[in-house]
Amino acid sequence: VQLQGSGGGLVQAGGSLRLSCAASGHTFSNSTVGWFRQAPGQEREFLVGLSWSGRTYYEDSVKDRFTTSKDNAKNTVYLEMHSLKPEDTAVYYCAAKRPNGGRYYYTQPQEYDYWGQGTQVTVSS
C-alpha cells in the first residue's frame, strides 16, 4: 500500500494550495482518511478527518479555510487550503485507516495504518 502526497509548495499569505493524496494498493472508498501536519520541532497535528461516506471533521485551526474531498474513481483525496497563513507552514501528511466500523474520524497518528510521505507547504508573510 502506498499513499503519494503532492501539491505542496511556496505561497504568499492569503494564497491557496491544493494537496492531493493518491493511493495504490488501497481504496479510499471504504476507509477513513486523516490530514495532519508537522512543523519543525512540533508534534504531528491532526487537522481534518474524512470518513468513507464523505463525512468530514475539521479542527478549529483550519475550519472555514480548508476543505477535504475525495474522488473514489481516481482513488485520490484532496485538501483545498485557502487564506493560508505563515503559521500553516509545515509538512502535510495524508493517512488512511483500514475500515473497522468505528468513528468517522480519528485524531491520533497511531490510529492510522498507512501514511503518505509528506509534502512541504511554506507560506511567506
PDB file of N, CA and C in Angstrom:
ATOM      1  N   VAL A   1       0.837  -1.186   0.000  1.00  0.00           N
ATOM      2  CA  VAL A   1       0.000   0.000   0.000  1.00  0.00           C
ATOM      3  C   VAL A   1       0.878   1.244   0.000  1.00  0.00           C
ATOM      4  N   GLN A   2       0.562   2.153  -0.893  1.00  0.00           N
ATOM      5  CA  GLN A   2       1.310   3.410  -0.939  1.00  0.00           C
ATOM      6  C   GLN A   2       0.347   4.578  -1.040  1.00  0.00           C
ATOM      7  N   LEU A   3       0.642   5.619  -0.274  1.00  0.00           N
ATOM      8  CA  LEU A   3      -0.069   6.878  -0.391  1.00  0.00           C
ATOM      9  C   LEU A   3       0.928   7.899  -0.901  1.00  0.00           C
ATOM     10  N   GLN A   4       0.605   8.539  -1.993  1.00  0.00           N
ATOM     11  CA  GLN A   4       1.503   9.507  -2.611  1.00  0.00           C
ATOM     12  C   GLN A   4       0.922  10.902  -2.480  1.00  0.00           C
ATOM     13  N   GLY A   5       1.546  11.686  -1.630  1.00  0.00           N
ATOM     14  CA  GLY A   5       1.101  13.059  -1.451  1.00  0.00           C
ATOM     15  C   GLY A   5       1.795  13.996  -2.426  1.00  0.00           C
ATOM     16  N   SER A   6       1.094  15.036  -2.838  1.00  0.00           N
ATOM     17  CA  SER A   6       1.669  16.024  -3.745  1.00  0.00           C
ATOM     18  C   SER A   6       0.904  17.334  -3.632  1.00  0.00           C
ATOM     19  N   GLY A   7       1.448  18.370  -4.264  1.00  0.00           N
ATOM     20  CA  GLY A   7       0.740  19.643  -4.337  1.00  0.00           C
ATOM     21  C   GLY A   7       1.267  20.731  -3.436  1.00  0.00           C
ATOM     22  N   GLY A   8       2.226  20.412  -2.593  1.00  0.00           N
ATOM     23  CA  GLY A   8       2.778  21.436  -1.720  1.00  0.00           C
ATOM     24  C   GLY A   8       3.602  22.445  -2.504  1.00  0.00           C
ATOM     25  N   GLY A   9       4.042  23.473  -1.802  1.00  0.00           N
ATOM     26  CA  GLY A   9       4.851  24.493  -2.449  1.00  0.00           C
ATOM     27  C   GLY A   9       4.950  25.734  -1.602  1.00  0.00           C
ATOM     28  N   LEU A  10       5.444  26.786  -2.235  1.00  0.00           N
ATOM     29  CA  LEU A  10       5.606  28.085  -1.574  1.00  0.00           C
ATOM     30  C   LEU A  10       4.491  29.006  -2.044  1.00  0.00           C
ATOM     31  N   VAL A  11       3.828  29.631  -1.104  1.00  0.00           N
ATOM     32  CA  VAL A  11       2.717  30.524  -1.434  1.00  0.00           C
ATOM     33  C   VAL A  11       2.747  31.716  -0.490  1.00  0.00           C
ATOM     34  N   GLN A  12       2.268  32.837  -0.952  1.00  0.00           N
ATOM     35  CA  GLN A  12       2.190  34.011  -0.090  1.00  0.00           C
ATOM     36  C   GLN A  12       0.992  33.906   0.844  1.00  0.00           C
ATOM     37  N   ALA A  13       1.088  34.595   1.956  1.00  0.00           N
ATOM     38  CA  ALA A  13      -0.022  34.639   2.899  1.00  0.00           C
ATOM     39  C   ALA A  13      -1.286  35.104   2.181  1.00  0.00           C
ATOM     40  N   GLY A  14      -2.391  34.410   2.483  1.00  0.00           N
ATOM     41  CA  GLY A  14      -3.643  34.699   1.817  1.00  0.00           C
ATOM     42  C   GLY A  14      -3.893  33.860   0.582  1.00  0.00           C
ATOM     43  N   GLY A  15      -2.874  33.147   0.158  1.00  0.00           N
ATOM     44  CA  GLY A  15      -2.984  32.336  -1.037  1.00  0.00           C
ATOM     45  C   GLY A  15      -3.616  30.983  -0.773  1.00  0.00           C
ATOM     46  N   SER A  16      -3.631  30.171  -1.822  1.00  0.00           N
ATOM     47  CA  SER A  16      -4.268  28.865  -1.773  1.00  0.00           C
ATOM     48  C   SER A  16      -3.375  27.788  -2.369  1.00  0.00           C
ATOM     49  N   LEU A  17      -3.600  26.576  -1.920  1.00  0.00           N
ATOM     50  CA  LEU A  17      -2.947  25.394  -2.472  1.00  0.00           C
ATOM     51  C   LEU A  17      -3.921  24.238  -2.401  1.00  0.00           C
ATOM     52  N   ARG A  18      -3.726  23.275  -3.292  1.00  0.00           N
ATOM     53  CA  ARG A  18      -4.494  22.041  -3.216  1.00  0.00           C
ATOM     54  C   ARG A  18      -3.525  20.866  -3.116  1.00  0.00           C
ATOM     55  N   LEU A  19      -3.655  20.117  -2.053  1.00  0.00           N
ATOM     56  CA  LEU A  19      -2.861  18.915  -1.870  1.00  0.00           C
ATOM     57  C   LEU A  19      -3.651  17.713  -2.369  1.00  0.00           C
ATOM     58  N   SER A  20      -2.923  16.753  -2.898  1.00  0.00           N
ATOM     59  CA  SER A  20      -3.525  15.509  -3.346  1.00  0.00           C
ATOM     60  C   SER A  20      -2.866  14.341  -2.631  1.00  0.00           C
ATOM     61  N   CYS A  21      -3.626  13.287  -2.475  1.00  0.00           N
ATOM     62  CA  CYS A  21      -3.114  12.060  -1.869  1.00  0.00           C
ATOM     63  C   CYS A  21      -3.692  10.905  -2.667  1.00  0.00           C
ATOM     64  N   ALA A  22      -2.846  10.281  -3.469  1.00  0.00           N
ATOM     65  CA  ALA A  22      -3.279   9.190  -4.325  1.00  0.00           C
ATOM     66  C   ALA A  22      -2.859   7.862  -3.712  1.00  0.00           C
ATOM     67  N   ALA A  23      -3.751   6.895  -3.744  1.00  0.00           N
ATOM     68  CA  ALA A  23      -3.480   5.598  -3.134  1.00  0.00           C
ATOM     69  C   ALA A  23      -3.273   4.529  -4.194  1.00  0.00           C
ATOM     70  N   SER A  24      -2.354   3.649  -3.911  1.00  0.00           N
ATOM     71  CA  SER A  24      -2.187   2.443  -4.715  1.00  0.00           C
ATOM     72  C   SER A  24      -2.155   1.261  -3.765  1.00  0.00           C
ATOM     73  N   GLY A  25      -2.862   0.196  -4.152  1.00  0.00           N
ATOM     74  CA  GLY A  25      -2.937  -0.952  -3.269  1.00  0.00           C
ATOM     75  C   GLY A  25      -3.903  -0.762  -2.127  1.00  0.00           C
ATOM     76  N   HIS A  26      -4.653   0.309  -2.162  1.00  0.00           N
ATOM     77  CA  HIS A  26      -5.601   0.628  -1.096  1.00  0.00           C
ATOM     78  C   HIS A  26      -6.713   1.452  -1.714  1.00  0.00           C
ATOM     79  N   THR A  27      -7.910   1.309  -1.160  1.00  0.00           N
ATOM     80  CA  THR A  27      -9.006   2.106  -1.667  1.00  0.00           C
ATOM     81  C   THR A  27      -9.522   3.048  -0.590  1.00  0.00           C
ATOM     82  N   PHE A  28      -9.789   4.289  -0.992  1.00  0.00           N
ATOM     83  CA  PHE A  28     -10.347   5.261  -0.069  1.00  0.00           C
ATOM     84  C   PHE A  28     -11.863   5.110   0.060  1.00  0.00           C
ATOM     85  N   SER A  29     -12.447   4.297  -0.786  1.00  0.00           N
ATOM     86  CA  SER A  29     -13.909   4.236  -0.807  1.00  0.00           C
ATOM     87  C   SER A  29     -14.484   3.654   0.481  1.00  0.00           C
ATOM     88  N   ASN A  30     -13.666   2.884   1.216  1.00  0.00           N
ATOM     89  CA  ASN A  30     -14.200   2.292   2.439  1.00  0.00           C
ATOM     90  C   ASN A  30     -13.268   2.481   3.625  1.00  0.00           C
ATOM     91  N   SER A  31     -12.470   3.560   3.595  1.00  0.00           N
ATOM     92  CA  SER A  31     -11.560   3.805   4.709  1.00  0.00           C
ATOM     93  C   SER A  31     -11.683   5.239   5.197  1.00  0.00           C
ATOM     94  N   THR A  32     -11.167   5.465   6.368  1.00  0.00           N
ATOM     95  CA  THR A  32     -11.137   6.809   6.950  1.00  0.00           C
ATOM     96  C   THR A  32      -9.803   7.460   6.623  1.00  0.00           C
ATOM     97  N   VAL A  33      -9.857   8.709   6.254  1.00  0.00           N
ATOM     98  CA  VAL A  33      -8.653   9.446   5.894  1.00  0.00           C
ATOM     99  C   VAL A  33      -8.449  10.596   6.872  1.00  0.00           C
ATOM    100  N   GLY A  34      -7.215  10.834   7.191  1.00  0.00           N
ATOM    101  CA  GLY A  34      -6.872  11.979   8.025  1.00  0.00           C
ATOM    102  C   GLY A  34      -5.810  12.818   7.357  1.00  0.00           C
ATOM    103  N   TRP A  35      -5.884  14.112   7.571  1.00  0.00           N
ATOM    104  CA  TRP A  35      -4.828  15.028   7.140  1.00  0.00           C
ATOM    105  C   TRP A  35      -4.154  15.577   8.400  1.00  0.00           C
ATOM    106  N   PHE A  36      -2.842  15.521   8.396  1.00  0.00           N
ATOM    107  CA  PHE A  36      -2.032  16.001   9.508  1.00  0.00           C
ATOM    108  C   PHE A  36      -0.987  16.967   8.969  1.00  0.00           C
ATOM    109  N   ARG A  37      -0.385  17.691   9.872  1.00  0.00           N
ATOM    110  CA  ARG A  37       0.784  18.485   9.505  1.00  0.00           C
ATOM    111  C   ARG A  37       1.778  18.468  10.661  1.00  0.00           C
ATOM    112  N   GLN A  38       3.024  18.720  10.319  1.00  0.00           N
ATOM    113  CA  GLN A  38       4.076  18.754  11.328  1.00  0.00           C
ATOM    114  C   GLN A  38       5.045  19.861  10.991  1.00  0.00           C
ATOM    115  N   ALA A  39       5.127  20.829  11.889  1.00  0.00           N
ATOM    116  CA  ALA A  39       6.083  21.914  11.752  1.00  0.00           C
ATOM    117  C   ALA A  39       7.372  21.523  12.469  1.00  0.00           C
ATOM    118  N   PRO A  40       8.498  22.125  12.111  1.00  0.00           N
ATOM    119  CA  PRO A  40       9.772  21.790  12.758  1.00  0.00           C
ATOM    120  C   PRO A  40       9.680  21.935  14.275  1.00  0.00           C
ATOM    121  N   GLY A  41      10.113  20.902  14.979  1.00  0.00           N
ATOM    122  CA  GLY A  41      10.112  20.927  16.427  1.00  0.00           C
ATOM    123  C   GLY A  41       8.758  20.729  17.068  1.00  0.00           C
ATOM    124  N   GLN A  42       7.750  20.475  16.248  1.00  0.00           N
ATOM    125  CA  GLN A  42       6.396  20.300  16.770  1.00  0.00           C
ATOM    126  C   GLN A  42       5.936  18.855  16.581  1.00  0.00           C
ATOM    127  N   GLU A  43       4.914  18.487  17.340  1.00  0.00           N
ATOM    128  CA  GLU A  43       4.323  17.169  17.153  1.00  0.00           C
ATOM    129  C   GLU A  43       3.416  17.184  15.915  1.00  0.00           C
ATOM    130  N   ARG A  44       3.165  16.002  15.408  1.00  0.00           N
ATOM    131  CA  ARG A  44       2.258  15.898  14.277  1.00  0.00           C
ATOM    132  C   ARG A  44       0.854  16.270  14.745  1.00  0.00           C
ATOM    133  N   GLU A  45       0.245  17.152  13.979  1.00  0.00           N
ATOM    134  CA  GLU A  45      -1.021  17.757  14.380  1.00  0.00           C
ATOM    135  C   GLU A  45      -2.147  17.295  13.459  1.00  0.00           C
ATOM    136  N   PHE A  46      -3.206  16.794  14.042  1.00  0.00           N
ATOM    137  CA  PHE A  46      -4.379  16.401  13.267  1.00  0.00           C
ATOM    138  C   PHE A  46      -5.131  17.643  12.824  1.00  0.00           C
ATOM    139  N   LEU A  47      -5.590  17.627  11.558  1.00  0.00           N
ATOM    140  CA  LEU A  47      -6.310  18.772  11.011  1.00  0.00           C
ATOM    141  C   LEU A  47      -7.727  18.427  10.560  1.00  0.00           C
ATOM    142  N   VAL A  48      -7.828  17.356   9.778  1.00  0.00           N
ATOM    143  CA  VAL A  48      -9.081  17.069   9.074  1.00  0.00           C
ATOM    144  C   VAL A  48      -9.303  15.569   9.024  1.00  0.00           C
ATOM    145  N   GLY A  49     -10.550  15.159   9.195  1.00  0.00           N
ATOM    146  CA  GLY A  49     -10.918  13.770   9.025  1.00  0.00           C
ATOM    147  C   GLY A  49     -11.973  13.625   7.938  1.00  0.00           C
ATOM    148  N   LEU A  50     -11.893  12.546   7.194  1.00  0.00           N
ATOM    149  CA  LEU A  50     -12.835  12.268   6.116  1.00  0.00           C
ATOM    150  C   LEU A  50     -13.221  10.797   6.203  1.00  0.00           C
ATOM    151  N   SER A  51     -14.501  10.539   6.432  1.00  0.00           N
ATOM    152  CA  SER A  51     -14.943   9.156   6.569  1.00  0.00           C
ATOM    153  C   SER A  51     -15.168   8.522   5.205  1.00  0.00           C
ATOM    154  N   TRP A  52     -15.381   7.222   5.209  1.00  0.00           N
ATOM    155  CA  TRP A  52     -15.632   6.507   3.959  1.00  0.00           C
ATOM    156  C   TRP A  52     -16.879   7.028   3.257  1.00  0.00           C
ATOM    157  N   SER A  53     -17.832   7.534   4.048  1.00  0.00           N
ATOM    158  CA  SER A  53     -19.086   8.010   3.472  1.00  0.00           C
ATOM    159  C   SER A  53     -19.019   9.475   3.041  1.00  0.00           C
ATOM    160  N   GLY A  54     -17.891  10.141   3.316  1.00  0.00           N
ATOM    161  CA  GLY A  54     -17.760  11.540   2.945  1.00  0.00           C
ATOM    162  C   GLY A  54     -18.001  12.515   4.074  1.00  0.00           C
ATOM    163  N   ARG A  55     -18.294  11.996   5.249  1.00  0.00           N
ATOM    164  CA  ARG A  55     -18.488  12.878   6.403  1.00  0.00           C
ATOM    165  C   ARG A  55     -17.137  13.472   6.777  1.00  0.00           C
ATOM    166  N   THR A  56     -17.157  14.774   7.157  1.00  0.00           N
ATOM    167  CA  THR A  56     -15.907  15.458   7.432  1.00  0.00           C
ATOM    168  C   THR A  56     -15.877  16.051   8.828  1.00  0.00           C
ATOM    169  N   TYR A  57     -14.665  16.216   9.314  1.00  0.00           N
ATOM    170  CA  TYR A  57     -14.440  16.889  10.587  1.00  0.00           C
ATOM    171  C   TYR A  57     -13.227  17.795  10.414  1.00  0.00           C
ATOM    172  N   TYR A  58     -13.325  19.021  10.912  1.00  0.00           N
ATOM    173  CA  TYR A  58     -12.231  19.981  10.801  1.00  0.00           C
ATOM    174  C   TYR A  58     -11.885  20.530  12.181  1.00  0.00           C
ATOM    175  N   GLU A  59     -10.608  20.564  12.464  1.00  0.00           N
ATOM    176  CA  GLU A  59     -10.156  21.236  13.669  1.00  0.00           C
ATOM    177  C   GLU A  59     -10.403  22.746  13.514  1.00  0.00           C
ATOM    178  N   ASP A  60     -10.565  23.419  14.644  1.00  0.00           N
ATOM    179  CA  ASP A  60     -10.865  24.856  14.621  1.00  0.00           C
ATOM    180  C   ASP A  60      -9.801  25.666  13.881  1.00  0.00           C
ATOM    181  N   SER A  61      -8.545  25.209  13.963  1.00  0.00           N
ATOM    182  CA  SER A  61      -7.449  25.963  13.347  1.00  0.00           C
ATOM    183  C   SER A  61      -7.574  26.061  11.829  1.00  0.00           C
ATOM    184  N   VAL A  62      -8.320  25.159  11.221  1.00  0.00           N
ATOM    185  CA  VAL A  62      -8.428  25.159   9.759  1.00  0.00           C
ATOM    186  C   VAL A  62      -9.868  25.220   9.255  1.00  0.00           C
ATOM    187  N   LYS A  63     -10.788  25.182  10.186  1.00  0.00           N
ATOM    188  CA  LYS A  63     -12.193  25.214   9.800  1.00  0.00           C
ATOM    189  C   LYS A  63     -12.475  26.485   9.023  1.00  0.00           C
ATOM    190  N   ASP A  64     -13.261  26.403   7.984  1.00  0.00           N
ATOM    191  CA  ASP A  64     -13.638  27.525   7.119  1.00  0.00           C
ATOM    192  C   ASP A  64     -12.524  27.965   6.175  1.00  0.00           C
ATOM    193  N   ARG A  65     -11.346  27.353   6.293  1.00  0.00           N
ATOM    194  CA  ARG A  65     -10.261  27.673   5.361  1.00  0.00           C
ATOM    195  C   ARG A  65      -9.847  26.459   4.537  1.00  0.00           C
ATOM    196  N   PHE A  66      -9.944  25.264   5.118  1.00  0.00           N
ATOM    197  CA  PHE A  66      -9.537  24.034   4.452  1.00  0.00           C
ATOM    198  C   PHE A  66     -10.781  23.208   4.146  1.00  0.00           C
ATOM    199  N   THR A  67     -10.730  22.509   3.022  1.00  0.00           N
ATOM    200  CA  THR A  67     -11.816  21.615   2.634  1.00  0.00           C
ATOM    201  C   THR A  67     -11.222  20.333   2.073  1.00  0.00           C
ATOM    202  N   THR A  68     -11.742  19.205   2.537  1.00  0.00           N
ATOM    203  CA  THR A  68     -11.277  17.928   2.014  1.00  0.00           C
ATOM    204  C   THR A  68     -12.366  17.272   1.183  1.00  0.00           C
ATOM    205  N   SER A  69     -11.934  16.479   0.213  1.00  0.00           N
ATOM    206  CA  SER A  69     -12.869  15.749  -0.640  1.00  0.00           C
ATOM    207  C   SER A  69     -12.143  14.541  -1.199  1.00  0.00           C
ATOM    208  N   LYS A  70     -12.894  13.661  -1.820  1.00  0.00           N
ATOM    209  CA  LYS A  70     -12.242  12.513  -2.442  1.00  0.00           C
ATOM    210  C   LYS A  70     -12.938  12.155  -3.736  1.00  0.00           C
ATOM    211  N   ASP A  71     -12.152  11.562  -4.598  1.00  0.00           N
ATOM    212  CA  ASP A  71     -12.638  11.057  -5.879  1.00  0.00           C
ATOM    213  C   ASP A  71     -12.390   9.557  -5.857  1.00  0.00           C
ATOM    214  N   ASN A  72     -13.425   8.790  -5.600  1.00  0.00           N
ATOM    215  CA  ASN A  72     -13.253   7.339  -5.491  1.00  0.00           C
ATOM    216  C   ASN A  72     -12.800   6.728  -6.817  1.00  0.00           C
ATOM    217  N   ALA A  73     -13.245   7.295  -7.913  1.00  0.00           N
ATOM    218  CA  ALA A  73     -12.850   6.760  -9.219  1.00  0.00           C
ATOM    219  C   ALA A  73     -11.346   6.897  -9.438  1.00  0.00           C
ATOM    220  N   LYS A  74     -10.763   7.992  -8.929  1.00  0.00           N
ATOM    221  CA  LYS A  74      -9.319   8.208  -9.063  1.00  0.00           C
ATOM    222  C   LYS A  74      -8.562   7.710  -7.840  1.00  0.00           C
ATOM    223  N   ASN A  75      -9.299   7.241  -6.834  1.00  0.00           N
ATOM    224  CA  ASN A  75      -8.682   6.787  -5.594  1.00  0.00           C
ATOM    225  C   ASN A  75      -7.742   7.860  -5.026  1.00  0.00           C
ATOM    226  N   THR A  76      -8.252   9.061  -5.003  1.00  0.00           N
ATOM    227  CA  THR A  76      -7.455  10.221  -4.585  1.00  0.00           C
ATOM    228  C   THR A  76      -8.275  11.089  -3.634  1.00  0.00           C
ATOM    229  N   VAL A  77      -7.586  11.585  -2.618  1.00  0.00           N
ATOM    230  CA  VAL A  77      -8.183  12.503  -1.658  1.00  0.00           C
ATOM    231  C   VAL A  77      -7.496  13.857  -1.817  1.00  0.00           C
ATOM    232  N   TYR A  78      -8.259  14.903  -1.605  1.00  0.00           N
ATOM    233  CA  TYR A  78      -7.747  16.266  -1.796  1.00  0.00           C
ATOM    234  C   TYR A  78      -7.912  17.095  -0.527  1.00  0.00           C
ATOM    235  N   LEU A  79      -7.024  18.059  -0.373  1.00  0.00           N
ATOM    236  CA  LEU A  79      -7.148  19.047   0.694  1.00  0.00           C
ATOM    237  C   LEU A  79      -6.965  20.417   0.059  1.00  0.00           C
ATOM    238  N   GLU A  80      -8.058  21.151  -0.040  1.00  0.00           N
ATOM    239  CA  GLU A  80      -8.016  22.515  -0.550  1.00  0.00           C
ATOM    240  C   GLU A  80      -7.745  23.448   0.616  1.00  0.00           C
ATOM    241  N   MET A  81      -6.722  24.279   0.463  1.00  0.00           N
ATOM    242  CA  MET A  81      -6.324  25.175   1.546  1.00  0.00           C
ATOM    243  C   MET A  81      -6.399  26.611   1.033  1.00  0.00           C
ATOM    244  N   HIS A  82      -7.155  27.422   1.728  1.00  0.00           N
ATOM    245  CA  HIS A  82      -7.328  28.823   1.348  1.00  0.00           C
ATOM    246  C   HIS A  82      -6.957  29.733   2.517  1.00  0.00           C
ATOM    247  N   SER A  83      -6.784  31.023   2.188  1.00  0.00           N
ATOM    248  CA  SER A  83      -6.437  32.016   3.207  1.00  0.00           C
ATOM    249  C   SER A  83      -5.278  31.543   4.068  1.00  0.00           C
ATOM    250  N   LEU A  84      -4.262  31.037   3.400  1.00  0.00           N
ATOM    251  CA  LEU A  84      -3.132  30.460   4.115  1.00  0.00           C
ATOM    252  C   LEU A  84      -2.383  31.517   4.915  1.00  0.00           C
ATOM    253  N   LYS A  85      -1.867  31.080   6.051  1.00  0.00           N
ATOM    254  CA  LYS A  85      -1.149  31.946   6.974  1.00  0.00           C
ATOM    255  C   LYS A  85       0.266  31.410   7.159  1.00  0.00           C
ATOM    256  N   PRO A  86       1.193  32.263   7.561  1.00  0.00           N
ATOM    257  CA  PRO A  86       2.564  31.761   7.801  1.00  0.00           C
ATOM    258  C   PRO A  86       2.589  30.613   8.814  1.00  0.00           C
ATOM    259  N   GLU A  87       1.693  30.622   9.773  1.00  0.00           N
ATOM    260  CA  GLU A  87       1.670  29.540  10.763  1.00  0.00           C
ATOM    261  C   GLU A  87       1.150  28.219  10.204  1.00  0.00           C
ATOM    262  N   ASP A  88       0.680  28.221   8.970  1.00  0.00           N
ATOM    263  CA  ASP A  88       0.300  26.969   8.307  1.00  0.00           C
ATOM    264  C   ASP A  88       1.520  26.263   7.706  1.00  0.00           C
ATOM    265  N   THR A  89       2.666  26.888   7.756  1.00  0.00           N
ATOM    266  CA  THR A  89       3.874  26.290   7.210  1.00  0.00           C
ATOM    267  C   THR A  89       4.216  25.011   7.955  1.00  0.00           C
ATOM    268  N   ALA A  90       4.338  23.921   7.202  1.00  0.00           N
ATOM    269  CA  ALA A  90       4.594  22.605   7.795  1.00  0.00           C
ATOM    270  C   ALA A  90       4.704  21.581   6.674  1.00  0.00           C
ATOM    271  N   VAL A  91       5.079  20.371   7.065  1.00  0.00           N
ATOM    272  CA  VAL A  91       4.954  19.234   6.156  1.00  0.00           C
ATOM    273  C   VAL A  91       3.571  18.637   6.382  1.00  0.00           C
ATOM    274  N   TYR A  92       2.836  18.454   5.300  1.00  0.00           N
ATOM    275  CA  TYR A  92       1.467  17.950   5.373  1.00  0.00           C
ATOM    276  C   TYR A  92       1.439  16.483   4.959  1.00  0.00           C
ATOM    277  N   TYR A  93       0.702  15.697   5.730  1.00  0.00           N
ATOM    278  CA  TYR A  93       0.606  14.261   5.515  1.00  0.00           C
ATOM    279  C   TYR A  93      -0.852  13.839   5.360  1.00  0.00           C
ATOM    280  N   CYS A  94      -1.060  12.882   4.467  1.00  0.00           N
ATOM    281  CA  CYS A  94      -2.329  12.187   4.448  1.00  0.00           C
ATOM    282  C   CYS A  94      -2.111  10.821   5.083  1.00  0.00           C
ATOM    283  N   ALA A  95      -3.157  10.288   5.679  1.00  0.00           N
ATOM    284  CA  ALA A  95      -3.099   8.986   6.324  1.00  0.00           C
ATOM    285  C   ALA A  95      -4.425   8.284   6.113  1.00  0.00           C
ATOM    286  N   ALA A  96      -4.379   6.971   6.121  1.00  0.00           N
ATOM    287  CA  ALA A  96      -5.593   6.187   5.914  1.00  0.00           C
ATOM    288  C   ALA A  96      -5.677   5.091   6.960  1.00  0.00           C
ATOM    289  N   LYS A  97      -6.902   4.822   7.342  1.00  0.00           N
ATOM    290  CA  LYS A  97      -7.163   3.783   8.327  1.00  0.00           C
ATOM    291  C   LYS A  97      -8.067   2.734   7.712  1.00  0.00           C
ATOM    292  N   ARG A  98      -7.660   1.494   7.846  1.00  0.00           N
ATOM    293  CA  ARG A  98      -8.478   0.397   7.321  1.00  0.00           C
ATOM    294  C   ARG A  98      -9.851   0.444   7.990  1.00  0.00           C
ATOM    295  N   PRO A  99     -10.884   0.036   7.260  1.00  0.00           N
ATOM    296  CA  PRO A  99     -12.233   0.104   7.831  1.00  0.00           C
ATOM    297  C   PRO A  99     -12.371  -0.805   9.055  1.00  0.00           C
ATOM    298  N   ASN A 100     -13.002  -0.258  10.089  1.00  0.00           N
ATOM    299  CA  ASN A 100     -13.251  -1.056  11.280  1.00  0.00           C
ATOM    300  C   ASN A 100     -14.605  -0.765  11.900  1.00  0.00           C
ATOM    301  N   GLY A 101     -15.430  -0.021  11.183  1.00  0.00           N
ATOM    302  CA  GLY A 101     -16.776   0.249  11.670  1.00  0.00           C
ATOM    303  C   GLY A 101     -16.834   1.158  12.866  1.00  0.00           C
ATOM    304  N   GLY A 102     -15.756   1.907  13.125  1.00  0.00           N
ATOM    305  CA  GLY A 102     -15.720   2.759  14.302  1.00  0.00           C
ATOM    306  C   GLY A 102     -16.144   4.179  14.036  1.00  0.00           C
ATOM    307  N   ARG A 103     -15.421   5.133  14.622  1.00  0.00           N
ATOM    308  CA  ARG A 103     -15.743   6.558  14.492  1.00  0.00           C
ATOM    309  C   ARG A 103     -15.501   7.034  13.066  1.00  0.00           C
ATOM    310  N   TYR A 104     -16.051   8.204  12.749  1.00  0.00           N
ATOM    311  CA  TYR A 104     -15.872   8.693  11.382  1.00  0.00           C
ATOM    312  C   TYR A 104     -14.619   9.547  11.246  1.00  0.00           C
ATOM    313  N   TYR A 105     -13.918   9.824  12.363  1.00  0.00           N
ATOM    314  CA  TYR A 105     -12.609  10.436  12.241  1.00  0.00           C
ATOM    315  C   TYR A 105     -11.764  10.032  13.448  1.00  0.00           C
ATOM    316  N   TYR A 106     -10.472  10.084  13.244  1.00  0.00           N
ATOM    317  CA  TYR A 106      -9.521   9.689  14.273  1.00  0.00           C
ATOM    318  C   TYR A 106      -8.434  10.753  14.326  1.00  0.00           C
ATOM    319  N   THR A 107      -8.088  11.173  15.523  1.00  0.00           N
ATOM    320  CA  THR A 107      -7.170  12.305  15.673  1.00  0.00           C
ATOM    321  C   THR A 107      -5.738  11.928  16.014  1.00  0.00           C
ATOM    322  N   GLN A 108      -5.498  10.689  16.393  1.00  0.00           N
ATOM    323  CA  GLN A 108      -4.166  10.275  16.834  1.00  0.00           C
ATOM    324  C   GLN A 108      -3.411   9.582  15.712  1.00  0.00           C
ATOM    325  N   PRO A 109      -2.162  10.002  15.467  1.00  0.00           N
ATOM    326  CA  PRO A 109      -1.393   9.391  14.372  1.00  0.00           C
ATOM    327  C   PRO A 109      -1.315   7.862  14.473  1.00  0.00           C
ATOM    328  N   GLN A 110      -1.206   7.332  15.677  1.00  0.00           N
ATOM    329  CA  GLN A 110      -1.027   5.894  15.841  1.00  0.00           C
ATOM    330  C   GLN A 110      -2.286   5.112  15.473  1.00  0.00           C
ATOM    331  N   GLU A 111      -3.400   5.806  15.277  1.00  0.00           N
ATOM    332  CA  GLU A 111      -4.628   5.116  14.902  1.00  0.00           C
ATOM    333  C   GLU A 111      -4.687   4.807  13.404  1.00  0.00           C
ATOM    334  N   TYR A 112      -3.763   5.358  12.639  1.00  0.00           N
ATOM    335  CA  TYR A 112      -3.778   5.178  11.193  1.00  0.00           C
ATOM    336  C   TYR A 112      -2.835   4.080  10.748  1.00  0.00           C
ATOM    337  N   ASP A 113      -3.193   3.414   9.656  1.00  0.00           N
ATOM    338  CA  ASP A 113      -2.429   2.266   9.173  1.00  0.00           C
ATOM    339  C   ASP A 113      -1.432   2.632   8.075  1.00  0.00           C
ATOM    340  N   TYR A 114      -1.762   3.625   7.266  1.00  0.00           N
ATOM    341  CA  TYR A 114      -0.916   3.980   6.124  1.00  0.00           C
ATOM    342  C   TYR A 114      -0.698   5.490   6.093  1.00  0.00           C
ATOM    343  N   TRP A 115       0.494   5.876   5.642  1.00  0.00           N
ATOM    344  CA  TRP A 115       0.871   7.282   5.593  1.00  0.00           C
ATOM    345  C   TRP A 115       1.477   7.645   4.253  1.00  0.00           C
ATOM    346  N   GLY A 116       1.176   8.854   3.791  1.00  0.00           N
ATOM    347  CA  GLY A 116       1.899   9.414   2.669  1.00  0.00           C
ATOM    348  C   GLY A 116       3.252   9.915   3.130  1.00  0.00           C
ATOM    349  N   GLN A 117       4.081  10.286   2.174  1.00  0.00           N
ATOM    350  CA  GLN A 117       5.453  10.672   2.502  1.00  0.00           C
ATOM    351  C   GLN A 117       5.562  12.113   2.970  1.00  0.00           C
ATOM    352  N   GLY A 118       4.489  12.873   2.859  1.00  0.00           N
ATOM    353  CA  GLY A 118       4.502  14.260   3.293  1.00  0.00           C
ATOM    354  C   GLY A 118       4.887  15.198   2.163  1.00  0.00           C
ATOM    355  N   THR A 119       4.272  16.364   2.177  1.00  0.00           N
ATOM    356  CA  THR A 119       4.584  17.382   1.190  1.00  0.00           C
ATOM    357  C   THR A 119       4.713  18.723   1.902  1.00  0.00           C
ATOM    358  N   GLN A 120       5.761  19.470   1.554  1.00  0.00           N
ATOM    359  CA  GLN A 120       6.062  20.712   2.247  1.00  0.00           C
ATOM    360  C   GLN A 120       5.157  21.838   1.763  1.00  0.00           C
ATOM    361  N   VAL A 121       4.592  22.546   2.721  1.00  0.00           N
ATOM    362  CA  VAL A 121       3.838  23.767   2.436  1.00  0.00           C
ATOM    363  C   VAL A 121       4.518  24.908   3.174  1.00  0.00           C
ATOM    364  N   THR A 122       4.909  25.925   2.446  1.00  0.00           N
ATOM    365  CA  THR A 122       5.564  27.083   3.044  1.00  0.00           C
ATOM    366  C   THR A 122       4.764  28.327   2.682  1.00  0.00           C
ATOM    367  N   VAL A 123       4.357  29.065   3.700  1.00  0.00           N
ATOM    368  CA  VAL A 123       3.570  30.280   3.492  1.00  0.00           C
ATOM    369  C   VAL A 123       4.416  31.466   3.924  1.00  0.00           C
ATOM    370  N   SER A 124       4.686  32.336   2.998  1.00  0.00           N
ATOM    371  CA  SER A 124       5.517  33.512   3.297  1.00  0.00           C
ATOM    372  C   SER A 124       4.625  34.691   3.693  1.00  0.00           C
ATOM    373  N   SER A 125       5.182  35.519   4.570  1.00  0.00           N
ATOM    374  CA  SER A 125       4.405  36.684   5.053  1.00  0.00           C
ATOM    375  C   SER A 125       4.600  37.894   4.157  1.00  0.00           C
TER     376      SER A 125
END
